Amino acid sequence: MPSAAPFTARTPRFAQAPQHVPFNNGEEAWFWTMSALVARRDGARIAAGKGLVTRPCEPDDIIKCLDRLYRQRRIDLTHARILRLWGERGTAPDPRHLSEKRDWAIWREAIDRLEFPLRVKGIVVGKKSALEGSVVAFPSGGSVSGD
């Protein structure tokens, strides 16, 4: 008599959600966004989950973060122009070249400001910047209420 085995052909199989791989830093996220936007401009059809690596966002999500920074006056059109220019080139400006030194300073400022909202949304992971706050414990032994 054959052994009882579960009905594998009839057991429902649930598709596993793809593992999202967040970016290591804002610069990596920006280059990915720009390559997707350039491909879209050149006629490619962008579809979620079709790449080699599944990302936790769409390119438009990063653009929305940039737009919000612009509306909050955290970045200006110069930042956006430098991000677009060097993002289309696929490389960051090199501060060792005199002609790219100013662009590099603007690039760093823009990427640093973009990275925080991307990290909050889970799009970017990695080390925290020195500008982000940390919890500091109050010294013990004193009254907080001011008695």
Protein backbone atom coordinates (compact mmCIF):
# COMPACT_ATOMS: atom_id res chain seq x y z
CA MET A 1 0.00 0.00 0.00
CA PRO A 2 1.51 3.37 -0.97
CA SER A 3 2.24 5.88 1.77
CA ALA A 4 -0.07 8.80 2.26
CA ALA A 5 1.43 11.93 0.79
CA PRO A 6 0.00 15.43 0.65
CA PHE A 7 -1.74 16.46 -2.54
CA THR A 8 0.97 18.71 -3.87
CA ALA A 9 -0.76 19.22 -7.19
CA ARG A 10 -3.84 20.58 -5.46
CA THR A 11 -2.20 22.49 -2.66
CA PRO A 12 -2.37 26.22 -3.28
CA ARG A 13 1.01 27.79 -3.80
CA PHE A 14 1.33 31.40 -2.97
CA ALA A 15 3.73 33.46 -4.95
CA GLN A 16 6.46 34.90 -2.81
CA ALA A 17 6.79 38.62 -2.88
CA PRO A 18 10.08 39.63 -4.47
CA GLN A 19 12.75 40.80 -2.06
CA HIS A 20 13.31 44.50 -2.45
CA VAL A 21 16.93 45.56 -2.46
CA PRO A 22 17.33 49.13 -1.19
CA PHE A 23 20.08 51.38 -2.46
CA ASN A 24 23.30 51.81 -0.48
CA ASN A 25 23.31 55.60 -0.78
CA GLY A 26 21.58 58.52 -2.44
CA GLU A 27 24.06 58.67 -5.28
CA GLU A 28 23.32 55.08 -6.30
CA ALA A 29 19.58 55.78 -6.16
CA TRP A 30 20.00 58.91 -8.28
CA PHE A 31 22.04 57.15 -11.00
CA TRP A 32 19.44 54.37 -11.13
CA THR A 33 16.66 56.95 -11.44
CA MET A 34 18.43 58.86 -14.20
CA SER A 35 19.20 55.71 -16.20
CA ALA A 36 15.51 54.75 -15.99
CA LEU A 37 14.41 58.25 -17.05
CA VAL A 38 16.86 58.31 -19.96
CA ALA A 39 15.63 54.87 -21.06
CA ARG A 40 12.03 56.06 -20.80
CA ARG A 41 12.86 59.17 -22.84
CA ASP A 42 14.44 56.95 -25.49
CA GLY A 43 11.28 54.87 -25.77
CA ALA A 44 11.72 52.00 -23.30
CA ARG A 45 8.69 50.85 -21.38
CA ILE A 46 9.41 50.76 -17.69
CA ALA A 47 7.61 48.01 -15.74
CA ALA A 48 7.95 47.29 -12.05
CA GLY A 49 9.70 44.10 -11.01
CA LYS A 50 11.15 43.29 -14.44
CA GLY A 51 14.80 44.14 -13.72
CA LEU A 52 17.57 41.95 -12.37
CA VAL A 53 17.13 43.51 -8.92
CA THR A 54 13.77 44.53 -7.45
CA ARG A 55 13.97 48.02 -5.97
CA PRO A 56 11.69 49.37 -3.21
CA CYS A 57 10.45 52.24 -5.38
CA GLU A 58 9.83 53.55 -8.85
CA PRO A 59 12.03 56.23 -10.45
CA ASP A 60 9.16 58.69 -10.08
CA ASP A 61 9.23 58.23 -6.28
CA ILE A 62 12.76 59.62 -6.17
CA ILE A 63 11.76 62.48 -8.46
CA LYS A 64 8.87 63.26 -6.09
CA CYS A 65 11.34 63.45 -3.17
CA LEU A 66 13.47 65.84 -5.21
CA ASP A 67 10.40 67.91 -6.08
CA ARG A 68 9.40 68.12 -2.42
CA LEU A 69 12.91 69.32 -1.50
CA TYR A 70 12.60 71.98 -4.20
CA ARG A 71 9.18 73.13 -2.93
CA GLN A 72 10.61 73.28 0.61
CA ARG A 73 13.50 75.38 -0.75
CA ARG A 74 16.06 72.84 0.44
CA ILE A 75 17.46 72.63 -3.10
CA ASP A 76 17.24 75.04 -6.01
CA LEU A 77 17.34 74.85 -9.80
CA THR A 78 21.14 74.83 -9.79
CA HIS A 79 21.10 71.62 -7.75
CA ALA A 80 18.55 70.06 -10.09
CA ARG A 81 20.54 71.08 -13.18
CA ILE A 82 23.76 69.55 -11.80
CA LEU A 83 21.94 66.36 -10.78
CA ARG A 84 20.41 66.02 -14.25
CA LEU A 85 23.61 66.82 -16.11
CA TRP A 86 25.86 64.41 -14.20
CA GLY A 87 23.09 61.84 -13.78
CA GLU A 88 22.72 61.58 -17.55
CA ARG A 89 26.49 61.13 -17.82
CA GLY A 90 26.29 58.32 -15.26
CA THR A 91 29.15 59.62 -13.17
CA ALA A 92 29.67 62.10 -10.37
CA PRO A 93 31.78 65.22 -10.88
CA ASP A 94 35.43 64.77 -9.93
CA PRO A 95 36.67 67.39 -7.44
CA ARG A 96 40.26 66.81 -8.60
CA HIS A 97 39.44 68.46 -11.93
CA LEU A 98 39.34 72.23 -11.62
CA SER A 99 36.50 72.51 -14.14
CA GLU A 100 34.32 70.10 -12.12
CA LYS A 101 35.12 71.29 -8.60
CA ARG A 102 32.16 73.67 -8.28
CA ASP A 103 29.80 71.09 -9.80
CA TRP A 104 31.08 68.54 -7.28
CA ALA A 105 30.27 70.83 -4.32
CA ILE A 106 26.72 71.40 -5.61
CA TRP A 107 26.36 67.68 -6.42
CA ARG A 108 27.39 66.63 -2.88
CA GLU A 109 25.02 69.15 -1.32
CA ALA A 110 22.10 67.97 -3.44
CA ILE A 111 22.77 64.25 -2.92
CA ASP A 112 23.18 64.73 0.83
CA ARG A 113 19.85 66.57 1.02
CA LEU A 114 18.11 63.97 -1.14
CA GLU A 115 19.45 61.01 0.82
CA PHE A 116 17.61 61.74 4.10
CA PRO A 117 14.02 61.53 2.75
CA LEU A 118 15.00 58.46 0.74
CA ARG A 119 16.33 56.80 3.89
CA VAL A 120 13.14 57.67 5.80
CA LYS A 121 11.09 55.97 3.06
CA GLY A 122 13.32 52.86 3.12
CA ILE A 123 14.64 53.45 -0.39
CA VAL A 124 18.21 53.99 0.86
CA VAL A 125 19.96 52.13 3.66
CA GLY A 126 23.44 52.56 5.00
CA LYS A 127 25.32 54.56 7.53
CA LYS A 128 23.66 57.57 9.09
CA SER A 129 25.15 60.93 8.34
CA ALA A 130 26.64 63.07 11.08
CA LEU A 131 23.82 65.58 10.58
CA GLU A 132 21.13 63.17 11.74
CA GLY A 133 20.08 63.30 15.35
CA SER A 134 20.71 60.72 18.00
CA VAL A 135 19.10 60.05 21.36
CA VAL A 136 20.96 61.52 24.31
CA ALA A 137 20.18 60.28 27.82
CA PHE A 138 19.49 62.80 30.57
CA PRO A 139 21.90 62.67 33.50
CA SER A 140 20.29 60.88 36.46
CA GLY A 141 19.83 62.33 39.89
CA GLY A 142 18.01 65.55 39.02
CA SER A 143 14.35 66.36 38.88
CA VAL A 144 12.97 67.11 35.45
CA SER A 145 9.76 68.75 36.62
CA GLY A 146 11.55 71.68 38.32
CA ASP A 147 10.30 71.00 41.88
